[in-house]
Amino acid sequence: MLGINGPEFILLLIIGVLVIGPSRLPEYTQKLANLVKEVRRMASGAREQIKEEVGIDIDEVDWKKYDPRQYDPRRIIKDALLDDDTKPVSAGAPAAAATAVDTKPKAPVRVIERLAEGEAAPFDSEAT
């Protein structure tokens, strides 16, 4: 409970009673009870709002899956490097490929548009 043990809590309670006084104590305990009720109501309202908007119940979420302490960059890199998702290359090329016409796709021709002599470059006043 916020790092307060039993004897410390009792001491704080006694100091609170002495500072507030017995005449105003019921008023402040009622305010504290109302505050606790309001906080609980807000928490349940937030839970319901999340459930409506996201479509999941908070209790059903596996929070361990989202714990950042479980991610080890060394393990992630090692798994990525050792992951064998490449297709094996065949040892021999088919005989038909040796006689086929070169069907390799050609690189597109790059067209460079130049401004005419003395023409001003386009300017965008809203660009940064």
Protein backbone atom coordinates (compact mmCIF):
# COMPACT_ATOMS: atom_id res chain seq x y z
CA MET A 1 0.00 0.00 0.00
CA LEU A 2 2.28 2.76 -1.31
CA GLY A 3 5.18 1.52 0.80
CA ILE A 4 3.42 2.22 4.10
CA ASN A 5 3.45 -0.61 6.63
CA GLY A 6 0.99 -1.15 9.49
CA PRO A 7 2.61 0.92 12.26
CA GLU A 8 3.27 3.84 9.88
CA PHE A 9 -0.36 3.79 8.73
CA ILE A 10 -1.63 3.86 12.32
CA LEU A 11 0.72 6.74 13.13
CA LEU A 12 -0.52 8.70 10.09
CA LEU A 13 -4.11 7.98 11.13
CA ILE A 14 -3.48 9.32 14.65
CA ILE A 15 -1.75 12.44 13.30
CA GLY A 16 -4.67 12.97 10.90
CA VAL A 17 -7.19 12.73 13.74
CA LEU A 18 -5.20 15.21 15.80
CA VAL A 19 -4.75 17.70 12.94
CA ILE A 20 -8.31 17.51 11.61
CA GLY A 21 -9.95 17.28 15.02
CA PRO A 22 -12.83 15.15 16.15
CA SER A 23 -15.48 17.67 15.09
CA ARG A 24 -14.50 17.69 11.40
CA LEU A 25 -13.42 14.03 11.18
CA PRO A 26 -16.81 12.64 9.98
CA GLU A 27 -16.96 15.29 7.24
CA TYR A 28 -13.48 14.39 5.93
CA THR A 29 -14.11 10.64 6.12
CA GLN A 30 -17.27 11.15 4.05
CA LYS A 31 -15.27 13.18 1.50
CA LEU A 32 -12.65 10.41 1.35
CA ALA A 33 -15.35 7.77 0.85
CA ASN A 34 -16.93 9.83 -1.95
CA LEU A 35 -13.52 10.28 -3.59
CA VAL A 36 -12.87 6.53 -3.52
CA LYS A 37 -16.32 5.83 -5.02
CA GLU A 38 -15.74 8.42 -7.77
CA VAL A 39 -12.33 6.97 -8.66
CA ARG A 40 -13.82 3.45 -8.87
CA ARG A 41 -16.67 4.72 -11.04
CA MET A 42 -14.23 6.47 -13.38
CA ALA A 43 -12.06 3.34 -13.61
CA SER A 44 -15.01 1.14 -14.49
CA GLY A 45 -16.21 3.74 -17.00
CA ALA A 46 -12.79 3.79 -18.65
CA ARG A 47 -12.79 -0.01 -18.77
CA GLU A 48 -16.21 -0.03 -20.45
CA GLN A 49 -15.16 2.68 -22.91
CA ILE A 50 -12.06 0.71 -23.91
CA LYS A 51 -14.16 -2.41 -24.32
CA GLU A 52 -16.62 -0.54 -26.58
CA GLU A 53 -14.00 1.23 -28.70
CA VAL A 54 -11.38 -1.51 -29.03
CA GLY A 55 -13.68 -4.48 -28.79
CA ILE A 56 -11.62 -6.42 -26.28
CA ASP A 57 -11.92 -6.94 -22.56
CA ILE A 58 -8.91 -5.78 -20.57
CA ASP A 59 -8.94 -8.98 -18.50
CA GLU A 60 -8.58 -11.08 -21.68
CA VAL A 61 -5.42 -9.30 -22.88
CA ASP A 62 -2.16 -11.22 -22.44
CA TRP A 63 -0.08 -8.38 -20.97
CA LYS A 64 3.07 -10.54 -20.81
CA LYS A 65 3.14 -10.49 -24.60
CA TYR A 66 3.54 -6.69 -24.56
CA ASP A 67 6.19 -6.57 -21.82
CA PRO A 68 9.24 -4.75 -23.25
CA ARG A 69 11.58 -6.61 -20.89
CA GLN A 70 11.03 -9.83 -22.83
CA TYR A 71 12.60 -8.44 -26.01
CA ASP A 72 16.28 -9.23 -26.30
CA PRO A 73 17.79 -7.48 -29.35
CA ARG A 74 20.55 -10.08 -29.60
CA ARG A 75 18.02 -12.91 -29.78
CA ILE A 76 15.88 -11.07 -32.35
CA ILE A 77 18.90 -10.44 -34.60
CA LYS A 78 20.15 -14.01 -34.17
CA ASP A 79 16.72 -15.40 -35.08
CA ALA A 80 16.52 -13.12 -38.12
CA LEU A 81 19.97 -14.15 -39.34
CA LEU A 82 19.39 -17.84 -38.80
CA ASP A 83 15.89 -17.77 -40.28
CA ASP A 84 16.05 -19.79 -43.49
CA ASP A 85 13.27 -18.31 -45.59
CA THR A 86 15.17 -18.35 -48.88
CA LYS A 87 14.29 -20.88 -51.56
CA PRO A 88 17.00 -23.42 -52.35
CA VAL A 89 18.79 -22.86 -55.65
CA SER A 90 18.77 -25.83 -58.00
CA ALA A 91 22.19 -27.26 -58.90
CA GLY A 92 21.71 -27.45 -62.65
CA ALA A 93 19.95 -25.10 -65.04
CA PRO A 94 17.28 -26.65 -67.29
CA ALA A 95 18.38 -27.42 -70.83
CA ALA A 96 15.62 -25.31 -72.36
CA ALA A 97 16.91 -22.21 -70.57
CA ALA A 98 20.24 -22.44 -72.39
CA THR A 99 18.57 -22.19 -75.81
CA ALA A 100 15.83 -19.75 -74.88
CA VAL A 101 15.90 -16.14 -75.96
CA ASP A 102 17.06 -13.70 -73.31
CA THR A 103 13.82 -12.78 -71.52
CA LYS A 104 15.49 -10.77 -68.79
CA PRO A 105 13.51 -7.61 -68.10
CA LYS A 106 15.26 -4.51 -69.31
CA ALA A 107 15.78 -1.51 -67.09
CA PRO A 108 13.42 1.36 -67.91
CA VAL A 109 14.88 4.27 -69.81
CA ARG A 110 15.38 7.24 -67.55
CA VAL A 111 13.96 10.44 -68.95
CA ILE A 112 15.54 13.63 -67.70
CA GLU A 113 13.47 16.74 -68.26
CA ARG A 114 15.43 19.95 -68.43
CA LEU A 115 14.19 23.49 -68.19
CA ALA A 116 14.41 25.68 -71.25
CA GLU A 117 17.09 28.35 -71.30
CA GLY A 118 16.01 31.24 -69.08
CA GLU A 119 12.93 29.41 -67.69
CA ALA A 120 12.44 29.82 -63.93
CA ALA A 121 12.32 26.72 -61.78
CA PRO A 122 8.94 25.91 -60.20
CA PHE A 123 8.60 27.28 -56.68
CA ASP A 124 6.22 26.19 -53.96
CA SER A 125 5.71 28.92 -51.36
CA GLU A 126 4.14 26.46 -48.89
CA ALA A 127 7.07 24.03 -48.96
CA THR A 128 9.51 24.09 -46.11
